[in-house]
Amino acid sequence: MKLKCYVNGELASDFDGAGILDDEAHQNHRVGRHGHIALQLHRRDELRAQFKDILIK
């Protein structure tokens, strides 16, 4: 299973989970096939975050 994350159209993360996320234990729990995502900004950060046009496919 490959996971890629793009921020503002730029590739930020490219993870190949072959041999990790496709083992029997992960397959039994449908890892990467269903669940939740989280968008986070830490409480004490002096930043502001806005999220728009989030696409998961």
Protein backbone atom coordinates (compact mmCIF):
# COMPACT_ATOMS: atom_id res chain seq x y z
CA MET A 1 0.00 0.00 0.00
CA LYS A 2 1.37 3.38 -0.97
CA LEU A 3 0.40 6.60 0.78
CA LYS A 4 1.04 10.03 -0.68
CA CYS A 5 0.26 13.41 0.83
CA TYR A 6 0.16 16.61 -1.19
CA VAL A 7 0.10 20.10 0.32
CA ASN A 8 -0.84 22.94 -2.02
CA GLY A 9 -0.22 20.65 -4.98
CA GLU A 10 3.30 19.72 -3.84
CA LEU A 11 4.23 16.20 -2.78
CA ALA A 12 4.94 16.39 0.96
CA SER A 13 5.13 12.68 1.81
CA ASP A 14 5.49 9.48 -0.21
CA PHE A 15 5.36 6.28 1.88
CA ASP A 16 5.57 2.74 0.53
CA GLY A 17 4.10 0.51 3.22
CA ALA A 18 4.69 -2.76 1.34
CA GLY A 19 5.59 -5.45 3.82
CA ILE A 20 4.24 -3.35 6.69
CA LEU A 21 0.70 -2.22 5.97
CA ASP A 22 -0.16 -5.21 3.80
CA ASP A 23 0.62 -7.94 6.33
CA GLU A 24 -2.18 -10.15 7.69
CA ALA A 25 -2.73 -8.17 10.90
CA HIS A 26 -3.16 -4.89 9.04
CA GLN A 27 -5.33 -6.51 6.35
CA ASN A 28 -7.65 -7.96 9.04
CA HIS A 29 -8.21 -4.45 10.41
CA ARG A 30 -8.61 -2.94 6.91
CA VAL A 31 -5.83 -0.43 7.58
CA GLY A 32 -5.90 2.30 4.97
CA ARG A 33 -9.33 1.24 3.70
CA HIS A 34 -11.59 2.92 6.26
CA GLY A 35 -11.33 5.06 9.36
CA HIS A 36 -10.72 8.65 10.35
CA ILE A 37 -8.29 11.36 9.40
CA ALA A 38 -7.21 14.23 11.63
CA LEU A 39 -6.14 17.74 10.74
CA GLN A 40 -4.27 19.29 13.62
CA LEU A 41 -2.69 22.51 14.77
CA HIS A 42 -1.02 22.38 18.16
CA ARG A 43 -2.49 24.56 20.88
CA ARG A 44 0.54 26.75 21.57
CA ASP A 45 1.52 27.26 17.93
CA GLU A 46 1.38 30.87 16.80
CA LEU A 47 0.12 29.73 13.42
CA ARG A 48 -3.29 29.74 11.85
CA ALA A 49 -4.48 26.86 9.71
CA GLN A 50 -7.25 26.75 7.15
CA PHE A 51 -8.31 23.67 5.25
CA LYS A 52 -10.07 23.77 1.89
CA ASP A 53 -10.79 21.33 -0.91
CA ILE A 54 -9.60 18.20 0.91
CA LEU A 55 -9.61 15.17 -1.40
CA ILE A 56 -9.16 11.57 -0.32
CA LYS A 57 -9.01 8.90 -2.99
